[in-house]
Protein backbone atom coordinates (compact mmCIF):
# COMPACT_ATOMS: atom_id res chain seq x y z
CA ASN A 1 165.73 85.75 82.03
CA SER A 2 162.61 87.44 81.28
CA ILE A 3 161.01 86.43 84.29
CA LYS A 4 164.17 87.69 86.54
CA ALA A 5 164.20 90.48 84.65
CA VAL A 6 160.32 91.48 84.79
CA GLY A 7 158.53 89.80 87.61
CA GLU A 8 156.49 86.67 87.97
CA PHE A 9 154.43 85.62 85.34
CA PRO A 10 151.65 86.15 84.12
CA TRP A 11 152.73 89.47 83.59
CA PRO A 12 149.98 92.84 83.77
CA ARG A 13 149.42 93.83 80.61
CA TYR A 14 151.30 97.42 80.81
CA VAL A 15 154.12 95.14 80.37
CA TYR A 16 153.28 94.17 76.59
CA ALA A 17 152.53 97.64 76.10
CA GLU A 18 155.81 98.73 76.95
CA GLY A 19 157.20 95.81 74.99
CA LEU A 20 155.32 96.92 71.74
CA SER A 21 156.45 100.46 72.45
CA VAL A 22 159.96 99.38 72.67
CA LEU A 23 159.64 97.50 69.38
CA ASP A 24 158.19 99.74 68.02
CA SER A 25 160.78 102.40 68.38
CA VAL A 26 163.29 99.82 66.34
CA GLY A 27 161.20 99.54 63.34
CA ILE A 28 159.38 96.25 63.63
CA ASP A 29 157.05 95.21 60.51
CA GLN A 30 154.65 92.95 62.43
CA PHE A 31 153.77 91.84 65.80
CA ALA A 32 151.62 89.32 66.72
CA PHE A 33 150.66 87.70 70.39
CA ASP A 34 150.64 83.71 71.13
CA ILE A 35 148.80 85.01 74.32
CA GLN A 36 145.54 84.89 74.57
CA PHE A 37 143.80 87.88 76.52
CA ILE A 38 140.09 86.69 76.75
CA ASP A 39 139.61 88.10 80.29
CA GLU A 40 139.74 91.19 81.56
CA SER A 41 142.63 92.38 83.64
CA PRO A 42 141.95 93.46 87.55
CA ARG A 43 142.26 97.02 88.22
CA VAL A 44 145.70 97.66 90.06
CA VAL A 45 147.30 100.13 92.05
CA ASN A 46 150.01 102.70 90.02
CA ARG A 47 152.42 102.68 92.45
CA GLU A 48 154.14 106.21 91.76
CA GLU A 49 150.54 107.79 92.18
CA MET A 50 149.92 105.86 95.35
CA GLN A 51 153.06 106.92 96.85
CA LYS A 52 152.40 110.52 96.21
CA LEU A 53 148.84 110.21 97.59
CA GLN A 54 150.54 108.21 100.81
CA GLU A 55 153.00 111.30 101.07
CA ARG A 56 150.42 113.96 101.03
CA ALA A 57 148.48 111.99 103.47
CA LYS A 58 151.23 112.19 105.73
CA LYS A 59 151.71 115.89 105.50
CA GLY A 60 147.96 116.17 106.42
CA GLY A 61 146.90 116.88 103.19
CA ARG A 62 143.41 115.99 101.99
CA VAL A 63 143.05 112.89 99.86
CA SER A 64 139.84 112.66 97.56
CA LEU A 65 137.75 109.81 96.07
CA GLU A 66 138.56 110.86 92.55
CA ASP A 67 142.34 110.91 93.53
CA LEU A 68 141.77 107.33 94.82
CA GLN A 69 140.60 106.50 91.68
CA LYS A 70 143.32 107.90 89.69
CA SER A 71 145.63 105.69 91.39
CA TYR A 72 144.47 102.89 89.55
CA GLN A 73 145.46 101.96 86.31
CA ASP A 74 143.78 99.94 83.74
CA ASN A 75 146.30 97.74 82.08
CA ASP A 76 143.46 96.62 79.01
CA ARG A 77 143.22 100.49 78.18
CA ILE A 78 146.98 100.79 78.49
CA LEU A 79 147.59 97.88 75.88
CA ALA A 80 144.61 98.78 73.74
CA ASP A 81 146.54 102.66 73.57
CA ALA A 82 149.85 100.18 72.61
CA LEU A 83 147.98 98.36 69.88
CA LYS A 84 146.60 101.45 68.36
CA SER A 85 149.35 103.56 68.58
CA SER A 86 151.64 100.51 66.60
CA GLY A 87 148.52 99.26 64.14
CA ARG A 88 150.28 96.45 63.47
CA VAL A 89 149.56 93.76 66.12
CA ILE A 90 147.67 90.70 65.01
CA LEU A 91 145.89 89.32 68.14
CA PRO A 92 144.99 85.35 68.69
CA TYR A 93 141.68 84.06 69.58
CA SER A 94 140.51 80.58 69.80
CA PHE A 95 137.51 77.73 69.57
CA ILE A 96 136.41 75.38 72.46
CA ASN A 97 134.78 72.54 72.98
CA GLU A 98 132.27 73.57 75.45
CA ARG A 99 129.89 76.13 76.29
CA LEU A 100 130.81 78.70 78.88
CA ALA A 101 129.02 79.84 81.64
CA GLU A 102 127.03 82.85 81.31
CA VAL A 103 128.49 85.96 83.11
CA GLU A 104 125.75 88.39 84.41
CA LEU A 105 126.55 91.67 82.68
CA THR A 106 124.86 95.21 83.11
CA GLU A 107 123.14 96.38 79.99
CA LYS A 108 126.07 98.93 79.01
CA GLN A 109 128.50 95.70 79.21
CA ARG A 110 126.29 93.45 77.30
CA ALA A 111 125.87 95.94 74.71
CA GLU A 112 129.27 96.84 74.38
CA ARG A 113 130.26 93.23 74.62
CA GLU A 114 127.79 92.45 71.48
CA ALA A 115 129.23 95.69 69.57
CA SER A 116 132.70 94.36 70.16
CA ILE A 117 131.86 90.53 68.94
CA ARG A 118 130.23 91.93 65.59
CA LEU A 119 133.05 93.94 65.24
CA PHE A 120 135.51 90.98 65.51
CA THR A 121 133.05 88.55 63.48
CA GLU A 122 133.50 91.52 60.45
CA ARG A 123 137.31 91.91 60.74
CA ALA A 124 138.22 88.01 61.48
CA SER A 125 136.29 86.49 59.20
CA VAL A 126 133.84 85.92 55.59
CA PRO A 127 130.99 84.75 55.11
CA VAL A 128 130.86 81.90 52.79
CA PRO A 129 128.96 81.69 50.16
CA LYS A 130 125.53 79.81 50.44
CA GLU A 131 125.93 77.91 47.11
CA LYS A 132 129.82 76.67 48.71
CA ILE A 133 127.91 75.71 52.13
CA ASP A 134 128.03 71.98 51.34
CA GLU A 135 131.26 72.06 49.63
CA PHE A 136 132.80 73.48 52.67
CA LYS A 137 131.64 71.06 55.08
CA GLY A 138 135.03 69.31 55.75
CA LEU A 139 135.63 72.68 57.11
CA ILE A 140 133.77 72.46 59.89
CA ASP A 141 135.15 70.79 63.22
CA ALA A 142 131.66 70.02 65.01
CA ARG A 143 133.46 69.70 68.32
CA ARG A 144 134.41 73.42 68.51
CA LYS A 145 131.33 74.95 70.45
CA LEU A 146 132.25 79.16 71.02
CA ILE A 147 135.10 81.69 70.13
CA GLN A 148 136.91 82.77 72.78
CA TYR A 149 137.14 86.32 71.93
CA PRO A 150 139.86 88.73 72.77
CA VAL A 151 138.49 91.13 75.57
CA ALA A 152 136.42 94.37 74.12
CA PRO A 153 138.52 97.07 74.23
CA LEU A 154 141.48 95.34 72.04
CA VAL A 155 139.29 94.29 69.18
CA LYS A 156 139.29 97.84 67.66
CA PRO A 157 142.90 99.07 67.99
CA ALA A 158 144.05 95.39 66.67
CA HIS A 159 145.61 94.91 63.45
CA ALA A 160 144.15 91.57 62.56
CA PHE A 161 143.08 88.35 63.98
CA GLY A 162 144.26 84.84 64.19
CA TYR A 163 143.07 81.44 65.99
CA VAL A 164 145.70 79.55 67.51
CA ASP A 165 143.90 76.08 68.65
CA SER A 166 145.67 73.04 67.18
CA ASP A 167 144.66 69.54 66.14
CA SER A 168 146.52 66.05 67.30
CA ASP A 169 146.71 63.00 66.33
CA VAL A 170 145.58 60.29 68.56
CA ASP A 171 149.32 59.81 70.01
CA GLY A 172 148.92 63.38 70.99
CA THR A 173 151.33 64.74 68.22
CA ILE A 174 150.47 67.44 66.18
CA ARG A 175 151.43 66.78 62.63
CA LYS A 176 149.17 69.09 60.94
CA GLN A 177 147.59 72.55 61.15
CA ARG A 178 144.46 73.99 60.12
CA LEU A 179 144.74 76.97 58.13
CA VAL A 180 140.78 77.87 57.67
CA ARG A 181 137.77 76.79 59.11
CA MET A 182 134.14 77.50 58.81
CA PHE A 183 132.19 78.47 62.00
CA GLU A 184 128.44 79.02 61.56
CA GLY A 185 128.52 80.03 58.07
CA ARG A 186 131.78 82.10 58.08
CA MET A 187 135.52 81.37 57.32
CA TYR A 188 138.14 82.00 59.66
CA PHE A 189 142.26 82.19 59.49
CA HIS A 190 144.90 80.33 61.14
CA LEU A 191 147.52 82.87 63.09
CA SER A 192 150.27 81.89 61.13
CA LEU A 193 147.93 82.56 57.58
CA ALA A 194 146.69 85.73 58.97
CA MET A 195 150.15 86.65 59.47
CA LEU A 196 151.20 85.78 55.60
CA MET A 197 148.49 87.61 54.44
CA ASP A 198 149.37 90.53 56.06
CA LEU A 199 152.77 90.18 55.18
CA CYS A 200 151.78 89.78 51.65
CA GLY A 201 149.34 92.50 51.45
CA VAL A 202 146.30 90.06 50.82
CA LYS A 203 142.97 90.85 52.33
CA LYS A 204 140.77 87.94 53.36
CA GLU A 205 138.63 88.61 50.45
CA ASN A 206 141.47 87.53 48.48
CA VAL A 207 141.71 84.25 49.79
CA GLU A 208 140.51 81.62 47.62
CA VAL A 209 139.90 78.23 49.42
CA VAL A 210 139.50 74.94 47.50
CA PRO A 211 138.82 72.20 49.90
CA GLY A 212 141.01 69.14 49.35
CA SER A 213 143.25 71.37 47.15
CA ARG A 214 144.40 75.19 48.20
CA ASN A 215 144.41 78.18 49.71
CA THR A 216 145.43 80.60 47.23
CA LEU A 217 146.35 84.44 48.42
CA ARG A 218 145.43 86.11 45.33
CA GLY A 219 147.52 88.95 44.16
CA ALA A 220 150.21 88.70 46.84
CA VAL A 221 153.67 90.40 47.36
CA ASN A 222 155.91 87.87 47.66
CA PRO A 223 157.95 88.58 50.77
CA LEU A 224 161.18 86.90 49.47
CA THR A 225 160.94 88.18 45.73
CA LEU A 226 158.96 91.42 46.15
CA GLN A 227 156.75 89.97 43.10
CA ARG A 228 153.08 90.30 42.85
CA GLU A 229 151.69 86.76 42.40
CA ASP A 230 149.02 84.13 43.69
CA ILE A 231 150.59 82.02 46.19
CA ASP A 232 148.84 78.52 46.44
CA ILE A 233 149.26 76.24 49.85
CA PRO A 234 148.15 73.10 49.49
CA ILE A 235 145.31 71.77 52.02
CA ASP A 236 143.42 68.59 52.52
CA THR A 237 139.49 68.39 52.66
CA GLN A 238 139.34 69.76 56.29
CA GLY A 239 141.65 72.48 55.62
CA MET A 240 144.61 71.33 57.06
CA LYS A 241 148.49 71.32 55.94
CA HIS A 242 151.36 69.15 57.04
CA ILE A 243 153.76 70.66 58.87
CA ASN A 244 157.10 70.89 58.09
């Protein structure tokens, strides 16, 4: 039904921006995407603007380079504006098992990307105290080499972040979910846990991780009772929880 209504998939990001606007208007408390936005969107023509230019050209009117540039829409910027307007959107990212080829960037693009990565790292993770590095070694997955970040324009307006990669057993079935992982000396949180932290009003600094025992959300507002309490979530030595 969605594809019939909207068109072929994947959809341009302005579609998601429109969806956020609609959901925002009915008072949704929290938004989370399970679609990763890791590549820049291609610039596309704004059909209405292009049609206006075509009509002007047919009548002998002048169409300038600036007019043509305005007829293209930046879907990443449109989605970023929607994230900012909502202020409640949690975006996904992932850890991957291989290094990616370097993409040639201009000096300005490189500076923007590096600034975006610094901001993402600060907002998506917390540093692990040096005295706990050995205790938390089981939370490291040596196969994961790299983070696939959301594109730079979406990082600042996003409310929070959570990773979405999964771990399967040898038969290919996923029975456990890694709720926390340590990567390059920092603690990162799964999308499901990031959503729960947000609903319970718990900052990432107030999550106590005890490998082989529990994740504790300190001072959480229980979404069912609305009482403030510590919420314990059992985890194994790898930070995983069995899926119900």
